Amino acid sequence: MRWRTLTAGALFFAGVLAGLVSSEMIHAQSGYATKQILKDDLNNIPGQEVLFFTSDWPPGFRLPWHMHEDGHEFVFVLEGQQTFEIDGVGTKVVSAGEVIHTQPNVPH
């Protein structure tokens, strides 16, 4: 019985490890890297929070069409350019040093 428990535990651990490694490999192959650098409550707006991320995208990288429920998105481009498709707005090209704002609940 103990051997069976140890084997099951080892297989579970191996599966978790394989999943983590393959996830990192897929992430590295896409060239897309993002990291959350701040998460904090908005003191004057109960129940709301602010999130800040840094992202590094290779040329030609595209995120799938999506929206942020009840969340404002601000993107500040550090270098290069980023092209946005925003529902009801159209195509916007944002260059280094510029910021774009996407309203909540708007597909982009």
N, C-alpha and C. Protein backbone atom coordinates (compact mmCIF):
# COMPACT_ATOMS: atom_id res chain seq x y z
N MET A 1 0.83 -1.20 0.00
CA MET A 1 0.00 0.00 0.00
C MET A 1 0.87 1.26 0.00
N ARG A 2 1.94 1.23 0.80
CA ARG A 2 2.82 2.40 0.86
C ARG A 2 3.49 2.63 -0.50
N TRP A 3 3.90 1.56 -1.16
CA TRP A 3 4.53 1.66 -2.47
C TRP A 3 3.58 2.32 -3.47
N ARG A 4 2.31 1.94 -3.41
CA ARG A 4 1.30 2.52 -4.31
C ARG A 4 1.14 4.02 -4.05
N THR A 5 1.12 4.42 -2.80
CA THR A 5 0.99 5.84 -2.45
C THR A 5 2.22 6.62 -2.92
N LEU A 6 3.40 6.08 -2.71
CA LEU A 6 4.62 6.75 -3.16
C LEU A 6 4.66 6.86 -4.68
N THR A 7 4.26 5.81 -5.37
CA THR A 7 4.24 5.83 -6.84
C THR A 7 3.24 6.86 -7.34
N ALA A 8 2.06 6.89 -6.75
CA ALA A 8 1.04 7.86 -7.15
C ALA A 8 1.54 9.28 -6.91
N GLY A 9 2.18 9.51 -5.76
CA GLY A 9 2.72 10.84 -5.45
C GLY A 9 3.81 11.24 -6.43
N ALA A 10 4.69 10.29 -6.77
CA ALA A 10 5.77 10.58 -7.72
C ALA A 10 5.21 10.89 -9.10
N LEU A 11 4.20 10.12 -9.54
CA LEU A 11 3.58 10.38 -10.85
C LEU A 11 2.87 11.74 -10.87
N PHE A 12 2.20 12.06 -9.77
CA PHE A 12 1.55 13.37 -9.69
C PHE A 12 2.58 14.50 -9.79
N PHE A 13 3.64 14.39 -9.01
CA PHE A 13 4.70 15.40 -9.03
C PHE A 13 5.32 15.51 -10.43
N ALA A 14 5.57 14.38 -11.08
CA ALA A 14 6.14 14.39 -12.43
C ALA A 14 5.20 15.07 -13.41
N GLY A 15 3.89 14.83 -13.26
CA GLY A 15 2.91 15.48 -14.12
C GLY A 15 2.88 16.98 -13.94
N VAL A 16 2.93 17.42 -12.69
CA VAL A 16 2.97 18.85 -12.39
C VAL A 16 4.22 19.48 -12.99
N LEU A 17 5.35 18.83 -12.79
CA LEU A 17 6.62 19.33 -13.31
C LEU A 17 6.59 19.40 -14.84
N ALA A 18 6.07 18.37 -15.49
CA ALA A 18 5.97 18.37 -16.95
C ALA A 18 5.07 19.49 -17.44
N GLY A 19 3.97 19.73 -16.74
CA GLY A 19 3.07 20.81 -17.11
C GLY A 19 3.73 22.17 -16.99
N LEU A 20 4.47 22.39 -15.92
CA LEU A 20 5.16 23.66 -15.74
C LEU A 20 6.22 23.88 -16.80
N VAL A 21 7.00 22.85 -17.09
CA VAL A 21 8.06 22.96 -18.08
C VAL A 21 7.48 23.23 -19.46
N SER A 22 6.44 22.48 -19.85
CA SER A 22 5.85 22.68 -21.18
C SER A 22 5.21 24.05 -21.29
N SER A 23 4.59 24.54 -20.21
CA SER A 23 4.00 25.87 -20.22
C SER A 23 5.07 26.93 -20.45
N GLU A 24 6.20 26.79 -19.76
CA GLU A 24 7.31 27.74 -19.95
C GLU A 24 7.86 27.68 -21.37
N MET A 25 7.94 26.47 -21.94
CA MET A 25 8.46 26.32 -23.29
C MET A 25 7.52 26.97 -24.30
N ILE A 26 6.22 26.76 -24.14
CA ILE A 26 5.25 27.38 -25.04
C ILE A 26 5.33 28.88 -24.90
N HIS A 27 5.40 29.38 -23.67
CA HIS A 27 5.49 30.81 -23.41
C HIS A 27 6.75 31.39 -24.06
N ALA A 28 7.86 30.70 -23.94
CA ALA A 28 9.12 31.18 -24.52
C ALA A 28 9.06 31.16 -26.04
N GLN A 29 8.40 30.17 -26.63
CA GLN A 29 8.32 30.07 -28.08
C GLN A 29 7.46 31.19 -28.66
N SER A 30 6.44 31.63 -27.92
CA SER A 30 5.58 32.69 -28.43
C SER A 30 6.30 34.03 -28.42
N GLY A 31 7.33 34.16 -27.59
CA GLY A 31 8.07 35.41 -27.50
C GLY A 31 7.36 36.47 -26.68
N TYR A 32 6.21 36.15 -26.17
CA TYR A 32 5.41 37.08 -25.39
C TYR A 32 5.74 36.92 -23.92
N ALA A 33 6.13 38.01 -23.27
CA ALA A 33 6.44 37.97 -21.85
C ALA A 33 5.70 39.10 -21.15
N THR A 34 5.03 38.78 -20.07
CA THR A 34 4.34 39.80 -19.30
C THR A 34 4.54 39.52 -17.82
N LYS A 35 4.58 40.59 -17.03
CA LYS A 35 4.81 40.46 -15.60
C LYS A 35 4.00 41.52 -14.87
N GLN A 36 3.24 41.08 -13.87
CA GLN A 36 2.50 42.04 -13.04
C GLN A 36 3.47 42.71 -12.10
N ILE A 37 3.47 44.05 -12.10
CA ILE A 37 4.41 44.78 -11.24
C ILE A 37 3.71 45.52 -10.10
N LEU A 38 2.37 45.64 -10.16
CA LEU A 38 1.65 46.30 -9.07
C LEU A 38 0.20 45.83 -9.06
N LYS A 39 -0.30 45.57 -7.88
CA LYS A 39 -1.72 45.31 -7.66
C LYS A 39 -2.07 45.99 -6.36
N ASP A 40 -3.02 46.94 -6.41
CA ASP A 40 -3.34 47.70 -5.21
C ASP A 40 -4.81 48.11 -5.24
N ASP A 41 -5.41 48.27 -4.08
CA ASP A 41 -6.78 48.75 -3.99
C ASP A 41 -6.83 50.23 -4.31
N LEU A 42 -7.92 50.65 -4.94
CA LEU A 42 -8.16 52.08 -5.14
C LEU A 42 -8.91 52.56 -3.90
N ASN A 43 -8.22 53.27 -3.04
CA ASN A 43 -8.77 53.65 -1.74
C ASN A 43 -10.05 54.47 -1.83
N ASN A 44 -10.20 55.29 -2.85
CA ASN A 44 -11.38 56.15 -2.96
C ASN A 44 -12.54 55.50 -3.69
N ILE A 45 -12.32 54.28 -4.23
CA ILE A 45 -13.39 53.58 -4.95
C ILE A 45 -13.46 52.16 -4.37
N PRO A 46 -14.30 51.96 -3.37
CA PRO A 46 -14.37 50.66 -2.72
C PRO A 46 -14.65 49.53 -3.72
N GLY A 47 -13.95 48.42 -3.52
CA GLY A 47 -14.15 47.25 -4.37
C GLY A 47 -13.41 47.30 -5.69
N GLN A 48 -12.68 48.36 -5.96
CA GLN A 48 -11.93 48.49 -7.22
C GLN A 48 -10.44 48.40 -6.94
N GLU A 49 -9.70 47.94 -7.93
CA GLU A 49 -8.26 47.84 -7.80
C GLU A 49 -7.58 48.29 -9.08
N VAL A 50 -6.28 48.52 -8.97
CA VAL A 50 -5.47 48.89 -10.12
C VAL A 50 -4.41 47.82 -10.31
N LEU A 51 -4.15 47.48 -11.57
CA LEU A 51 -3.14 46.49 -11.92
C LEU A 51 -2.19 47.11 -12.94
N PHE A 52 -0.88 46.93 -12.74
CA PHE A 52 0.12 47.39 -13.70
C PHE A 52 0.95 46.20 -14.14
N PHE A 53 1.20 46.13 -15.45
CA PHE A 53 1.99 45.06 -16.03
C PHE A 53 3.06 45.64 -16.94
N THR A 54 4.14 44.91 -17.10
CA THR A 54 5.09 45.19 -18.17
C THR A 54 4.98 44.02 -19.14
N SER A 55 5.10 44.33 -20.43
CA SER A 55 5.02 43.29 -21.45
C SER A 55 6.09 43.53 -22.50
N ASP A 56 6.58 42.46 -23.04
CA ASP A 56 7.56 42.52 -24.12
C ASP A 56 7.02 41.63 -25.24
N TRP A 57 6.71 42.24 -26.37
CA TRP A 57 6.12 41.52 -27.49
C TRP A 57 7.04 41.60 -28.69
N PRO A 58 7.24 40.50 -29.38
CA PRO A 58 8.05 40.52 -30.60
C PRO A 58 7.27 41.17 -31.75
N PRO A 59 7.96 41.64 -32.78
CA PRO A 59 7.29 42.22 -33.94
C PRO A 59 6.25 41.24 -34.52
N GLY A 60 5.08 41.76 -34.85
CA GLY A 60 4.03 40.95 -35.45
C GLY A 60 3.18 40.18 -34.46
N PHE A 61 3.50 40.22 -33.16
CA PHE A 61 2.72 39.48 -32.17
C PHE A 61 1.33 40.10 -32.04
N ARG A 62 0.31 39.25 -31.92
CA ARG A 62 -1.07 39.71 -31.77
C ARG A 62 -1.75 38.98 -30.63
N LEU A 63 -2.44 39.71 -29.80
CA LEU A 63 -3.31 39.10 -28.80
C LEU A 63 -4.65 38.82 -29.45
N PRO A 64 -5.38 37.83 -28.97
CA PRO A 64 -6.73 37.60 -29.51
C PRO A 64 -7.66 38.75 -29.13
N TRP A 65 -8.69 38.93 -29.94
CA TRP A 65 -9.73 39.93 -29.68
C TRP A 65 -10.29 39.66 -28.28
N HIS A 66 -10.33 40.68 -27.42
CA HIS A 66 -10.79 40.51 -26.05
C HIS A 66 -11.30 41.84 -25.50
N MET A 67 -11.80 41.83 -24.28
CA MET A 67 -12.17 43.07 -23.59
C MET A 67 -11.97 42.87 -22.10
N HIS A 68 -11.93 43.97 -21.38
CA HIS A 68 -11.74 43.93 -19.94
C HIS A 68 -13.03 44.40 -19.28
N GLU A 69 -13.70 43.47 -18.62
CA GLU A 69 -14.96 43.81 -17.96
C GLU A 69 -14.73 44.86 -16.89
N ASP A 70 -15.39 45.97 -17.03
CA ASP A 70 -15.33 47.06 -16.06
C ASP A 70 -13.91 47.53 -15.77
N GLY A 71 -12.99 47.34 -16.71
CA GLY A 71 -11.61 47.74 -16.48
C GLY A 71 -11.08 48.65 -17.57
N HIS A 72 -10.53 49.78 -17.18
CA HIS A 72 -9.87 50.69 -18.11
C HIS A 72 -8.49 50.12 -18.43
N GLU A 73 -8.11 50.18 -19.69
CA GLU A 73 -6.77 49.73 -20.06
C GLU A 73 -5.99 50.92 -20.60
N PHE A 74 -4.82 51.14 -20.03
CA PHE A 74 -3.90 52.16 -20.50
C PHE A 74 -2.62 51.46 -20.93
N VAL A 75 -2.17 51.75 -22.14
CA VAL A 75 -0.93 51.15 -22.64
C VAL A 75 0.04 52.28 -22.96
N PHE A 76 1.22 52.24 -22.35
CA PHE A 76 2.30 53.18 -22.62
C PHE A 76 3.38 52.41 -23.36
N VAL A 77 3.67 52.83 -24.58
CA VAL A 77 4.66 52.14 -25.40
C VAL A 77 6.04 52.72 -25.12
N LEU A 78 6.96 51.85 -24.69
CA LEU A 78 8.31 52.29 -24.36
C LEU A 78 9.21 52.41 -25.58
N GLU A 79 9.09 51.45 -26.51
CA GLU A 79 9.90 51.51 -27.73
C GLU A 79 9.15 50.83 -28.86
N GLY A 80 9.43 51.27 -30.07
CA GLY A 80 8.75 50.71 -31.23
C GLY A 80 7.35 51.26 -31.38
N GLN A 81 6.48 50.45 -31.96
CA GLN A 81 5.08 50.84 -32.16
C GLN A 81 4.19 49.64 -31.85
N GLN A 82 2.94 49.95 -31.51
CA GLN A 82 1.95 48.90 -31.31
C GLN A 82 0.67 49.34 -32.01
N THR A 83 0.08 48.43 -32.74
CA THR A 83 -1.16 48.71 -33.46
C THR A 83 -2.33 48.11 -32.70
N PHE A 84 -3.37 48.92 -32.49
CA PHE A 84 -4.56 48.49 -31.77
C PHE A 84 -5.76 48.54 -32.71
N GLU A 85 -6.61 47.54 -32.61
CA GLU A 85 -7.93 47.55 -33.25
C GLU A 85 -8.93 47.67 -32.11
N ILE A 86 -9.70 48.76 -32.10
CA ILE A 86 -10.65 49.00 -31.01
C ILE A 86 -12.04 49.13 -31.60
N ASP A 87 -12.97 48.32 -31.11
CA ASP A 87 -14.34 48.32 -31.60
C ASP A 87 -14.94 49.72 -31.48
N GLY A 88 -15.49 50.22 -32.58
CA GLY A 88 -16.11 51.53 -32.60
C GLY A 88 -15.14 52.68 -32.78
N VAL A 89 -13.83 52.39 -32.74
CA VAL A 89 -12.80 53.43 -32.88
C VAL A 89 -12.01 53.19 -34.16
N GLY A 90 -11.64 51.95 -34.41
CA GLY A 90 -10.84 51.61 -35.58
C GLY A 90 -9.42 51.27 -35.20
N THR A 91 -8.52 51.47 -36.16
CA THR A 91 -7.11 51.13 -35.97
C THR A 91 -6.35 52.34 -35.44
N LYS A 92 -5.57 52.12 -34.41
CA LYS A 92 -4.72 53.16 -33.83
C LYS A 92 -3.30 52.62 -33.73
N VAL A 93 -2.34 53.39 -34.22
CA VAL A 93 -0.92 53.04 -34.08
C VAL A 93 -0.35 53.92 -32.98
N VAL A 94 0.23 53.30 -31.96
CA VAL A 94 0.79 54.01 -30.82
C VAL A 94 2.30 53.83 -30.87
N SER A 95 3.02 54.94 -30.86
CA SER A 95 4.49 54.93 -30.96
C SER A 95 5.12 55.13 -29.59
N ALA A 96 6.41 54.87 -29.53
CA ALA A 96 7.17 55.03 -28.28
C ALA A 96 6.90 56.40 -27.67
N GLY A 97 6.62 56.40 -26.36
CA GLY A 97 6.35 57.65 -25.64
C GLY A 97 4.89 58.04 -25.64
N GLU A 98 4.03 57.29 -26.33
CA GLU A 98 2.60 57.60 -26.39
C GLU A 98 1.80 56.62 -25.53
N VAL A 99 0.58 57.06 -25.17
CA VAL A 99 -0.33 56.26 -24.36
C VAL A 99 -1.65 56.12 -25.10
N ILE A 100 -2.27 54.94 -24.98
CA ILE A 100 -3.62 54.75 -25.51
C ILE A 100 -4.50 54.23 -24.37
N HIS A 101 -5.75 54.67 -24.37
CA HIS A 101 -6.71 54.26 -23.34
C HIS A 101 -7.85 53.52 -24.03
N THR A 102 -8.20 52.36 -23.51
CA THR A 102 -9.37 51.62 -23.99
C THR A 102 -10.39 51.59 -22.87
N GLN A 103 -11.60 52.02 -23.18
CA GLN A 103 -12.69 52.07 -22.20
C GLN A 103 -13.07 50.66 -21.74
N PRO A 104 -13.67 50.53 -20.57
CA PRO A 104 -14.14 49.23 -20.10
C PRO A 104 -15.18 48.64 -21.05
N ASN A 105 -15.21 47.31 -21.14
CA ASN A 105 -16.23 46.57 -21.88
C ASN A 105 -16.21 46.84 -23.39
N VAL A 106 -15.07 47.29 -23.91
CA VAL A 106 -14.93 47.56 -25.35
C VAL A 106 -14.00 46.52 -25.95
N PRO A 107 -14.48 45.70 -26.89
CA PRO A 107 -13.58 44.73 -27.53
C PRO A 107 -12.44 45.42 -28.25
N HIS A 108 -11.27 44.81 -28.12
CA HIS A 108 -10.09 45.34 -28.80
C HIS A 108 -9.10 44.22 -29.05
